[in-house]
Protein backbone atom coordinates (compact mmCIF):
# COMPACT_ATOMS: atom_id res chain seq x y z
CA MET A 1 -99.44 -38.18 24.88
CA HIS A 2 -101.88 -39.71 27.34
CA PRO A 3 -105.61 -39.91 27.06
CA LEU A 4 -107.87 -38.61 29.92
CA THR A 5 -110.19 -41.05 31.52
CA GLY A 6 -113.30 -40.18 33.00
CA ASP A 7 -116.70 -38.68 32.28
CA ALA A 8 -116.60 -37.92 28.86
CA ARG A 9 -119.38 -35.73 29.02
CA LEU A 10 -117.52 -33.11 31.01
CA PRO A 11 -115.56 -30.09 29.64
CA ARG A 12 -111.79 -30.95 28.73
CA TYR A 13 -110.70 -28.66 31.35
CA GLN A 14 -112.70 -30.27 33.96
CA GLN A 15 -111.46 -33.89 32.66
CA LEU A 16 -108.10 -32.45 33.09
CA ARG A 17 -108.67 -31.13 36.75
CA ASP A 18 -110.07 -34.55 37.67
CA HIS A 19 -107.26 -36.24 36.26
CA MET A 20 -104.72 -33.98 37.86
CA VAL A 21 -106.16 -34.55 41.43
CA GLU A 22 -106.24 -38.37 40.88
CA GLN A 23 -102.42 -38.13 39.93
CA ILE A 24 -101.52 -36.13 42.75
CA ALA A 25 -103.43 -38.31 45.12
CA ASN A 26 -101.49 -41.37 43.48
CA ASN A 27 -98.30 -39.45 44.33
CA ARG A 28 -97.32 -38.64 40.93
CA TRP A 29 -96.18 -34.93 42.24
CA ARG A 30 -95.65 -34.53 45.58
CA PRO A 31 -96.88 -31.53 47.88
CA GLY A 32 -94.31 -28.77 47.50
CA GLU A 33 -93.05 -30.19 44.16
CA ALA A 34 -93.55 -28.00 41.17
CA ILE A 35 -96.07 -29.42 38.16
CA PRO A 36 -94.71 -29.88 34.68
CA THR A 37 -95.37 -26.33 32.69
CA GLU A 38 -98.65 -25.62 31.22
CA ALA A 39 -97.17 -26.11 27.69
CA ALA A 40 -95.78 -29.57 28.81
CA LEU A 41 -99.10 -30.56 30.11
CA ALA A 42 -100.65 -29.70 27.09
CA SER A 43 -98.45 -31.52 24.73
CA GLU A 44 -99.09 -34.76 27.41
CA PHE A 45 -102.71 -34.62 27.00
CA ASP A 46 -102.68 -32.96 23.46
CA MET A 47 -104.94 -29.91 24.46
CA SER A 48 -104.32 -26.47 23.92
CA VAL A 49 -102.42 -24.52 26.59
CA GLY A 50 -105.63 -22.36 27.10
CA THR A 51 -107.45 -25.58 27.95
CA VAL A 52 -104.66 -26.57 30.61
CA ARG A 53 -104.83 -22.77 32.15
CA LYS A 54 -108.43 -23.15 32.71
CA ALA A 55 -108.20 -26.66 34.52
CA VAL A 56 -105.06 -25.01 36.28
CA ASP A 57 -106.82 -21.82 37.45
CA VAL A 58 -109.77 -24.22 38.80
CA LEU A 59 -107.12 -26.14 40.91
CA VAL A 60 -105.34 -22.99 42.00
CA ALA A 61 -109.06 -21.54 42.98
CA GLU A 62 -109.67 -24.89 44.97
CA GLY A 63 -106.32 -24.66 47.14
CA VAL A 64 -104.86 -27.50 45.47
CA LEU A 65 -102.06 -25.65 43.62
CA GLU A 66 -100.28 -22.49 44.21
CA ARG A 67 -98.37 -20.00 41.45
CA GLN A 68 -95.28 -18.99 42.77
CA GLN A 69 -93.94 -15.80 40.64
CA GLY A 70 -91.14 -16.54 38.44
CA ARG A 71 -90.66 -19.93 39.68
CA GLY A 72 -93.96 -22.11 38.43
CA THR A 73 -97.00 -23.69 39.77
CA PHE A 74 -96.63 -26.24 42.96
CA ILE A 75 -98.72 -28.70 45.13
CA ARG A 76 -100.06 -26.68 47.67
CA ARG A 77 -99.53 -28.64 51.29
CA PRO A 78 -101.92 -27.52 53.73
CA GLN A 79 -100.77 -26.29 57.37
CA PHE A 80 -103.02 -28.19 59.87
CA GLN A 81 -100.80 -27.42 62.95
CA SER A 82 -102.40 -24.44 64.18
CA SER A 83 -105.90 -25.49 63.60
CA LEU A 84 -106.74 -26.45 67.44
CA PHE A 85 -105.88 -22.83 68.37
CA ARG A 86 -108.74 -21.49 66.35
CA PHE A 87 -110.81 -23.20 68.91
CA PHE A 88 -108.85 -23.42 71.99
CA ARG A 89 -106.46 -21.20 74.17
CA PHE A 90 -103.67 -23.25 75.75
CA GLU A 91 -101.33 -20.62 78.00
CA ALA A 92 -98.44 -21.36 80.15
CA ALA A 93 -98.54 -19.58 83.42
CA ASN A 94 -96.95 -16.97 82.06
CA GLY A 95 -99.64 -16.39 79.39
CA GLU A 96 -97.49 -17.54 76.47
CA ARG A 97 -99.32 -19.46 74.11
CA VAL A 98 -98.07 -23.32 74.20
CA VAL A 99 -98.47 -26.56 72.20
CA PRO A 100 -99.71 -29.17 74.11
CA GLU A 101 -97.73 -32.60 74.37
CA SER A 102 -99.12 -35.54 72.37
CA ARG A 103 -99.38 -39.04 74.44
CA ILE A 104 -100.99 -41.79 72.31
CA LEU A 105 -102.65 -44.18 74.71
CA SER A 106 -103.58 -47.01 72.50
CA ILE A 107 -103.69 -48.00 68.83
CA GLU A 108 -105.53 -51.22 67.49
CA PRO A 109 -107.52 -52.69 64.62
CA LEU A 110 -111.18 -53.17 64.99
CA ALA A 111 -114.45 -53.64 63.05
CA ALA A 112 -116.05 -50.25 61.95
CA PRO A 113 -118.65 -49.12 64.15
CA SER A 114 -121.85 -47.88 61.63
CA ALA A 115 -120.86 -44.04 62.56
CA VAL A 116 -117.12 -44.45 61.22
CA ALA A 117 -118.13 -46.57 58.55
CA GLU A 118 -120.40 -43.93 57.26
CA ALA A 119 -117.94 -40.90 57.91
CA LEU A 120 -115.10 -43.06 55.81
CA GLY A 121 -117.59 -44.27 53.41
CA LEU A 122 -116.71 -47.89 54.12
CA ALA A 123 -118.91 -50.56 54.30
CA LEU A 124 -120.09 -51.82 57.99
CA GLU A 125 -117.74 -53.76 59.74
CA THR A 126 -114.60 -53.01 57.52
CA ASP A 127 -111.41 -53.23 59.36
CA VAL A 128 -110.18 -49.81 60.78
CA ILE A 129 -107.62 -48.60 63.16
CA ARG A 130 -108.44 -46.55 66.02
CA ILE A 131 -106.18 -44.68 67.96
CA VAL A 132 -106.90 -42.78 71.18
CA ARG A 133 -104.61 -39.85 72.21
CA THR A 134 -104.58 -37.44 74.85
CA ARG A 135 -103.04 -33.66 74.52
CA LEU A 136 -101.23 -32.41 77.87
CA LEU A 137 -100.34 -29.50 79.37
CA GLY A 138 -97.69 -30.48 81.99
CA ALA A 139 -99.54 -33.50 83.39
CA GLN A 140 -102.93 -32.25 83.03
CA PRO A 141 -104.96 -33.64 79.58
CA VAL A 142 -106.62 -30.76 78.03
CA LEU A 143 -108.04 -32.99 74.76
CA ALA A 144 -108.95 -36.31 74.60
CA GLU A 145 -109.03 -37.58 70.53
CA GLU A 146 -110.52 -40.68 68.90
CA ILE A 147 -108.68 -41.08 65.43
CA TRP A 148 -110.16 -43.60 62.81
CA LEU A 149 -108.23 -44.85 60.01
CA PRO A 150 -109.07 -47.41 57.16
CA ARG A 151 -106.70 -50.34 58.35
CA GLN A 152 -106.05 -51.29 54.38
CA THR A 153 -104.54 -47.83 53.95
CA PHE A 154 -102.56 -47.27 57.10
CA GLN A 155 -101.68 -50.91 58.41
CA PRO A 156 -98.00 -49.73 58.79
CA LEU A 157 -99.15 -47.91 61.86
CA LEU A 158 -99.61 -50.72 63.54
CA ASP A 159 -95.90 -52.13 63.33
CA VAL A 160 -93.97 -48.79 64.80
CA GLU A 161 -94.13 -46.93 68.21
CA LEU A 162 -96.10 -43.78 67.34
CA ASN A 163 -95.07 -41.69 70.48
CA SER A 164 -91.38 -42.07 69.48
CA LYS A 165 -92.41 -40.48 66.26
CA GLY A 166 -93.57 -36.80 67.33
CA PRO A 167 -96.70 -35.22 68.18
CA LEU A 168 -98.05 -34.42 64.54
CA LEU A 169 -99.81 -37.45 62.69
CA TYR A 170 -100.28 -36.24 59.24
CA PRO A 171 -96.24 -36.33 58.42
CA ILE A 172 -96.32 -39.93 59.82
CA TYR A 173 -99.37 -40.66 57.60
CA GLU A 174 -97.24 -39.30 54.71
CA GLU A 175 -93.73 -41.10 55.46
CA LEU A 176 -95.24 -44.63 56.47
CA CYS A 177 -98.39 -45.08 54.26
CA GLY A 178 -97.79 -42.36 51.31
CA GLN A 179 -101.22 -40.86 52.17
CA VAL A 180 -101.23 -36.92 52.14
CA VAL A 181 -103.96 -35.07 53.77
CA ALA A 182 -104.87 -32.08 51.45
CA TYR A 183 -107.76 -30.72 53.39
CA ALA A 184 -110.42 -31.48 56.40
CA GLU A 185 -113.88 -30.53 57.27
CA GLU A 186 -114.74 -29.58 60.70
CA THR A 187 -117.73 -29.47 62.65
CA LEU A 188 -117.94 -27.66 66.33
CA THR A 189 -120.19 -28.83 69.10
CA ALA A 190 -120.73 -29.26 72.46
CA GLU A 191 -121.71 -31.97 74.61
CA ALA A 192 -121.97 -33.31 78.50
CA VAL A 193 -118.79 -35.45 79.12
CA ASP A 194 -119.37 -39.05 79.27
CA ALA A 195 -117.62 -41.48 81.91
CA VAL A 196 -114.69 -42.54 79.57
CA HIS A 197 -113.66 -39.56 78.22
CA GLY A 198 -114.43 -37.98 81.76
CA ARG A 199 -111.58 -40.22 82.93
CA LEU A 200 -109.22 -39.38 79.88
CA LEU A 201 -109.70 -35.63 80.78
CA GLN A 202 -109.66 -35.93 84.31
CA LEU A 203 -113.05 -34.07 84.44
CA PRO A 204 -116.51 -35.11 86.49
CA VAL A 205 -118.94 -36.85 84.46
CA ASP A 206 -121.28 -34.47 82.49
CA SER A 207 -118.86 -31.65 82.82
CA PRO A 208 -119.13 -29.24 79.93
CA VAL A 209 -116.63 -30.30 76.85
CA VAL A 210 -116.26 -28.86 73.33
CA VAL A 211 -115.88 -31.50 70.43
CA ILE A 212 -114.46 -30.60 67.28
CA GLU A 213 -115.38 -33.47 64.62
CA ARG A 214 -112.94 -33.54 61.42
CA LEU A 215 -113.03 -35.57 58.35
CA ALA A 216 -109.88 -35.39 56.49
CA ARG A 217 -109.45 -36.06 52.63
CA ASP A 218 -106.45 -36.66 50.30
CA TYR A 219 -106.49 -34.45 46.97
CA ALA A 220 -109.09 -36.65 45.19
CA GLY A 221 -111.54 -36.08 47.81
CA GLN A 222 -111.43 -39.74 49.23
CA PRO A 223 -111.79 -39.66 53.20
CA LEU A 224 -108.59 -40.83 54.99
CA GLU A 225 -109.38 -39.93 58.51
CA TRP A 226 -112.15 -39.49 61.01
CA ARG A 227 -111.48 -37.72 64.24
CA ARG A 228 -113.16 -36.62 67.35
CA SER A 229 -111.41 -34.08 69.45
CA ARG A 230 -112.84 -33.29 73.12
CA GLY A 231 -111.19 -30.47 74.92
CA HIS A 232 -112.12 -28.45 78.26
CA ALA A 233 -114.49 -26.17 77.86
CA GLN A 234 -112.65 -23.81 79.99
CA HIS A 235 -109.88 -23.75 77.35
CA PHE A 236 -112.63 -22.89 74.28
CA ARG A 237 -112.81 -19.97 72.31
CA TYR A 238 -114.02 -18.84 69.16
CA ARG A 239 -113.05 -16.28 66.48
CA ILE A 240 -113.55 -15.33 62.98
CA ASP A 241 -112.96 -12.15 61.09
CA ILE A 242 -115.52 -10.90 59.07
CA ARG A 243 -114.71 -8.34 56.46
């Protein structure tokens, strides 16, 4: 039997919910794995099955867990691969949708600028890692990305050749650093491109670009990554289904 830690003023099911997301964030249960049965959790935490079920129901509603008929309840693994296609249309000459190639231009440790520190919940000038990469269609860059990470958590990234690891960063975060991105908040804006990003995108200064700002968090809600992706306005599209 394990006592719960946390705010004792909260209802028991809420205390269990908070404890479970901390356990998931600390890798007790991995994405794609089943959690113990509700009866087993009730025994472990000395509470009723009904209270456990209420906590699990909350986590299912939040998208942290998913029930699979006849199999159990599993840690949901978010799918981020198609995120950019909600905002940008990348097509080959024949009109087929294509995934841009990824090319990391630099990765370096820095003291966190104020905007980065604020986004990641860090003290000003805490050590962070900045990754600069472009996404290309053929030889043409269509996205320029700045990615900021807490150095203490992501130090192993400085010791590998990231371009050899494939185009998706989140599996690398998990493999090398044990950090799983559970969800992200995205903000969409537009701006006139500056000289630095104009060079990366091969665009004249003041050309219109669309900016996607993303703050990615772990299962416990702690910020893991802050990124800004700037893309050619000519590729921009916006789609929402209203029901």
